[in-house]
């Protein structure tokens, strides 16, 4: 299965850790949405979009990349790391994908180390995440796609 993952991972590199775990075991093309604005995704069997969560959604560079580059009808999946667990983080990216008649085949999210705003004052939240268990879980998730 030929796969590309388009991502944005800043601050602590939480989301990139998930991608690196998958890329270590599989031949995956990794595309940094902050460095590349266009790419031909038509030759891939599966496309992943990955991001830390910023104000309850994927980073705008990933959303814009998907809007501009996702081919019609392509199977996609989502990976994300968050500071506080709640539902709905994939709503904005799912809307973009739906506009391309793409099929969402799965999503995986886990906590990521978070020192945003007031959390910095207390040393952050979710220290050490994603951890070994999270990385094993993302590998199982990908294997099940």
C-alpha atoms as a PDB file:
ATOM      1  CA  UNK A   1       0.000   0.000   0.000  1.00  0.00           C
ATOM      2  CA  UNK A   2       1.594   3.235  -1.147  1.00  0.00           C
ATOM      3  CA  UNK A   3       0.982   5.855   1.547  1.00  0.00           C
ATOM      4  CA  UNK A   4       1.693   9.558   2.004  1.00  0.00           C
ATOM      5  CA  UNK A   5       1.266  11.402   5.289  1.00  0.00           C
ATOM      6  CA  UNK A   6       0.935  15.181   5.237  1.00  0.00           C
ATOM      7  CA  UNK A   7       1.685  16.680   8.633  1.00  0.00           C
ATOM      8  CA  UNK A   8       2.356  19.690  10.793  1.00  0.00           C
ATOM      9  CA  UNK A   9       4.234  19.151  14.045  1.00  0.00           C
ATOM     10  CA  UNK A  10       5.802  21.992  15.968  1.00  0.00           C
ATOM     11  CA  UNK A  11       6.395  22.710  19.654  1.00  0.00           C
ATOM     12  CA  UNK A  12       7.446  19.314  21.064  1.00  0.00           C
ATOM     13  CA  UNK A  13       7.265  17.197  17.890  1.00  0.00           C
ATOM     14  CA  UNK A  14       4.493  15.033  19.347  1.00  0.00           C
ATOM     15  CA  UNK A  15       2.727  14.297  16.070  1.00  0.00           C
ATOM     16  CA  UNK A  16       5.999  13.695  14.236  1.00  0.00           C
ATOM     17  CA  UNK A  17       6.784  10.939  16.763  1.00  0.00           C
ATOM     18  CA  UNK A  18       3.681   9.068  15.603  1.00  0.00           C
ATOM     19  CA  UNK A  19       4.659   9.482  11.957  1.00  0.00           C
ATOM     20  CA  UNK A  20       8.258   8.431  12.600  1.00  0.00           C
ATOM     21  CA  UNK A  21       7.032   5.244  14.305  1.00  0.00           C
ATOM     22  CA  UNK A  22       5.051   4.342  11.184  1.00  0.00           C
ATOM     23  CA  UNK A  23       7.757   5.389   8.729  1.00  0.00           C
ATOM     24  CA  UNK A  24      10.296   3.209  10.551  1.00  0.00           C
ATOM     25  CA  UNK A  25       8.221   0.122   9.719  1.00  0.00           C
ATOM     26  CA  UNK A  26       6.649   1.063   6.385  1.00  0.00           C
ATOM     27  CA  UNK A  27       7.549   2.789   3.129  1.00  0.00           C
ATOM     28  CA  UNK A  28       5.671   6.037   3.720  1.00  0.00           C
ATOM     29  CA  UNK A  29       6.200   9.360   1.995  1.00  0.00           C
ATOM     30  CA  UNK A  30       6.221  12.059   4.667  1.00  0.00           C
ATOM     31  CA  UNK A  31       5.264  15.605   3.617  1.00  0.00           C
ATOM     32  CA  UNK A  32       5.747  18.569   5.952  1.00  0.00           C
ATOM     33  CA  UNK A  33       2.851  20.947   5.197  1.00  0.00           C
ATOM     34  CA  UNK A  34       4.814  23.872   6.650  1.00  0.00           C
ATOM     35  CA  UNK A  35       7.594  23.366   4.079  1.00  0.00           C
ATOM     36  CA  UNK A  36       5.653  22.173   1.009  1.00  0.00           C
ATOM     37  CA  UNK A  37       2.404  23.686  -0.212  1.00  0.00           C
ATOM     38  CA  UNK A  38       1.734  21.451  -3.222  1.00  0.00           C
ATOM     39  CA  UNK A  39       2.271  17.785  -3.987  1.00  0.00           C
ATOM     40  CA  UNK A  40       0.745  15.269  -6.367  1.00  0.00           C
ATOM     41  CA  UNK A  41      -1.081  12.760  -4.161  1.00  0.00           C
ATOM     42  CA  UNK A  42      -2.807  10.959  -7.023  1.00  0.00           C
ATOM     43  CA  UNK A  43      -0.296   8.077  -7.095  1.00  0.00           C
ATOM     44  CA  UNK A  44      -0.908   7.065  -3.479  1.00  0.00           C
ATOM     45  CA  UNK A  45      -3.310   4.338  -2.382  1.00  0.00           C
ATOM     46  CA  UNK A  46      -3.832   6.024   0.987  1.00  0.00           C
ATOM     47  CA  UNK A  47      -3.278   9.554   2.294  1.00  0.00           C
ATOM     48  CA  UNK A  48      -2.897  10.496   5.939  1.00  0.00           C
ATOM     49  CA  UNK A  49      -3.279  13.934   7.447  1.00  0.00           C
ATOM     50  CA  UNK A  50      -1.569  14.484  10.785  1.00  0.00           C
ATOM     51  CA  UNK A  51      -1.387  17.425  13.154  1.00  0.00           C
ATOM     52  CA  UNK A  52      -1.219  18.574  16.692  1.00  0.00           C
ATOM     53  CA  UNK A  53      -4.485  20.149  17.737  1.00  0.00           C
ATOM     54  CA  UNK A  54      -4.618  23.950  17.633  1.00  0.00           C
ATOM     55  CA  UNK A  55      -7.765  25.603  18.990  1.00  0.00           C
ATOM     56  CA  UNK A  56      -9.671  22.301  18.678  1.00  0.00           C
ATOM     57  CA  UNK A  57      -8.723  21.509  15.082  1.00  0.00           C
ATOM     58  CA  UNK A  58      -5.874  20.492  12.791  1.00  0.00           C
ATOM     59  CA  UNK A  59      -3.312  23.174  12.015  1.00  0.00           C
ATOM     60  CA  UNK A  60      -4.315  25.502   9.168  1.00  0.00           C
ATOM     61  CA  UNK A  61      -1.364  24.430   6.989  1.00  0.00           C
ATOM     62  CA  UNK A  62      -2.686  20.842   6.918  1.00  0.00           C
ATOM     63  CA  UNK A  63      -6.234  22.017   6.230  1.00  0.00           C
ATOM     64  CA  UNK A  64      -5.042  24.249   3.389  1.00  0.00           C
ATOM     65  CA  UNK A  65      -2.815  21.506   1.972  1.00  0.00           C
ATOM     66  CA  UNK A  66      -5.704  19.039   1.957  1.00  0.00           C
ATOM     67  CA  UNK A  67      -8.042  21.551   0.333  1.00  0.00           C
ATOM     68  CA  UNK A  68      -5.542  22.285  -2.428  1.00  0.00           C
ATOM     69  CA  UNK A  69      -3.988  18.869  -3.080  1.00  0.00           C
ATOM     70  CA  UNK A  70      -6.297  15.990  -2.127  1.00  0.00           C
ATOM     71  CA  UNK A  71      -7.518  14.114  -5.211  1.00  0.00           C
ATOM     72  CA  UNK A  72     -11.202  13.232  -5.496  1.00  0.00           C
ATOM     73  CA  UNK A  73     -12.252   9.925  -3.942  1.00  0.00           C
ATOM     74  CA  UNK A  74      -8.970   9.122  -2.193  1.00  0.00           C
ATOM     75  CA  UNK A  75      -9.053   7.001   1.013  1.00  0.00           C
ATOM     76  CA  UNK A  76      -7.688   9.058   3.926  1.00  0.00           C
ATOM     77  CA  UNK A  77      -6.905   8.694   7.608  1.00  0.00           C
ATOM     78  CA  UNK A  78      -6.120  11.128  10.409  1.00  0.00           C
ATOM     79  CA  UNK A  79      -3.435  11.157  13.105  1.00  0.00           C
ATOM     80  CA  UNK A  80      -3.334  13.745  15.867  1.00  0.00           C
ATOM     81  CA  UNK A  81      -1.980  14.575  19.288  1.00  0.00           C
ATOM     82  CA  UNK A  82      -3.864  16.709  21.769  1.00  0.00           C
ATOM     83  CA  UNK A  83      -3.340  18.467  25.059  1.00  0.00           C
ATOM     84  CA  UNK A  84      -6.778  17.822  26.517  1.00  0.00           C
ATOM     85  CA  UNK A  85      -9.063  15.026  25.435  1.00  0.00           C
ATOM     86  CA  UNK A  86     -12.391  15.909  23.883  1.00  0.00           C
ATOM     87  CA  UNK A  87     -14.383  14.967  20.813  1.00  0.00           C
ATOM     88  CA  UNK A  88     -14.559  16.796  17.512  1.00  0.00           C
ATOM     89  CA  UNK A  89     -10.902  17.475  16.725  1.00  0.00           C
ATOM     90  CA  UNK A  90     -11.256  16.067  13.200  1.00  0.00           C
ATOM     91  CA  UNK A  91     -14.402  17.985  12.269  1.00  0.00           C
ATOM     92  CA  UNK A  92     -12.640  20.660  10.156  1.00  0.00           C
ATOM     93  CA  UNK A  93     -10.349  18.224   8.303  1.00  0.00           C
ATOM     94  CA  UNK A  94     -13.294  15.853   7.759  1.00  0.00           C
ATOM     95  CA  UNK A  95     -15.225  18.696   6.109  1.00  0.00           C
ATOM     96  CA  UNK A  96     -12.317  19.368   3.749  1.00  0.00           C
ATOM     97  CA  UNK A  97     -12.044  15.665   2.914  1.00  0.00           C
ATOM     98  CA  UNK A  98     -15.805  15.387   2.349  1.00  0.00           C
ATOM     99  CA  UNK A  99     -15.521  18.202  -0.195  1.00  0.00           C
ATOM    100  CA  UNK A 100     -13.239  15.923  -2.198  1.00  0.00           C
ATOM    101  CA  UNK A 101     -15.593  12.923  -1.934  1.00  0.00           C
ATOM    102  CA  UNK A 102     -12.799  11.097  -0.101  1.00  0.00           C
ATOM    103  CA  UNK A 103     -13.437   8.180   2.231  1.00  0.00           C
ATOM    104  CA  UNK A 104     -12.234   8.479   5.842  1.00  0.00           C
ATOM    105  CA  UNK A 105     -10.938   5.017   6.739  1.00  0.00           C
ATOM    106  CA  UNK A 106      -9.876   5.775  10.321  1.00  0.00           C
ATOM    107  CA  UNK A 107      -8.392   8.146  12.844  1.00  0.00           C
ATOM    108  CA  UNK A 108      -5.943   7.844  15.698  1.00  0.00           C
ATOM    109  CA  UNK A 109      -5.346  10.378  18.429  1.00  0.00           C
ATOM    110  CA  UNK A 110      -3.383  10.353  21.662  1.00  0.00           C
ATOM    111  CA  UNK A 111      -2.152  12.861  24.248  1.00  0.00           C
ATOM    112  CA  UNK A 112       0.943  14.885  23.500  1.00  0.00           C
ATOM    113  CA  UNK A 113       3.182  16.847  25.843  1.00  0.00           C
ATOM    114  CA  UNK A 114       1.587  20.265  26.176  1.00  0.00           C
ATOM    115  CA  UNK A 115       3.144  23.453  27.564  1.00  0.00           C
ATOM    116  CA  UNK A 116       0.760  25.910  25.921  1.00  0.00           C
ATOM    117  CA  UNK A 117      -0.271  28.982  27.910  1.00  0.00           C
ATOM    118  CA  UNK A 118      -0.854  28.346  31.603  1.00  0.00           C
ATOM    119  CA  UNK A 119       0.309  24.720  31.353  1.00  0.00           C
ATOM    120  CA  UNK A 120       3.857  26.028  30.993  1.00  0.00           C
ATOM    121  CA  UNK A 121       3.634  27.432  34.532  1.00  0.00           C
ATOM    122  CA  UNK A 122       3.024  23.980  35.978  1.00  0.00           C
ATOM    123  CA  UNK A 123       5.581  22.156  33.815  1.00  0.00           C
ATOM    124  CA  UNK A 124       3.136  21.019  31.182  1.00  0.00           C
ATOM    125  CA  UNK A 125       0.576  18.265  30.747  1.00  0.00           C
ATOM    126  CA  UNK A 126       0.950  14.720  29.427  1.00  0.00           C
ATOM    127  CA  UNK A 127       4.689  14.571  30.029  1.00  0.00           C
ATOM    128  CA  UNK A 128       6.352  11.755  28.135  1.00  0.00           C
ATOM    129  CA  UNK A 129       3.526  11.413  25.631  1.00  0.00           C
ATOM    130  CA  UNK A 130       3.288  10.047  23.096  1.00  0.00           C
ATOM    131  CA  UNK A 131       4.872   7.121  24.917  1.00  0.00           C
ATOM    132  CA  UNK A 132       5.832   3.588  23.914  1.00  0.00           C
ATOM    133  CA  UNK A 133       2.242   2.375  24.309  1.00  0.00           C
ATOM    134  CA  UNK A 134       0.957   5.213  22.096  1.00  0.00           C
ATOM    135  CA  UNK A 135       3.515   4.314  19.418  1.00  0.00           C
ATOM    136  CA  UNK A 136       2.529   0.637  19.569  1.00  0.00           C
ATOM    137  CA  UNK A 137      -1.124   1.660  19.287  1.00  0.00           C
ATOM    138  CA  UNK A 138      -0.523   3.844  16.236  1.00  0.00           C
ATOM    139  CA  UNK A 139       1.331   0.941  14.582  1.00  0.00           C
ATOM    140  CA  UNK A 140      -1.660  -1.359  15.255  1.00  0.00           C
ATOM    141  CA  UNK A 141      -4.011   1.315  13.948  1.00  0.00           C
ATOM    142  CA  UNK A 142      -2.061   1.649  10.678  1.00  0.00           C
ATOM    143  CA  UNK A 143      -1.788  -2.126  10.248  1.00  0.00           C
ATOM    144  CA  UNK A 144      -5.577  -2.317  10.480  1.00  0.00           C
ATOM    145  CA  UNK A 145      -6.204   0.156   7.666  1.00  0.00           C
END
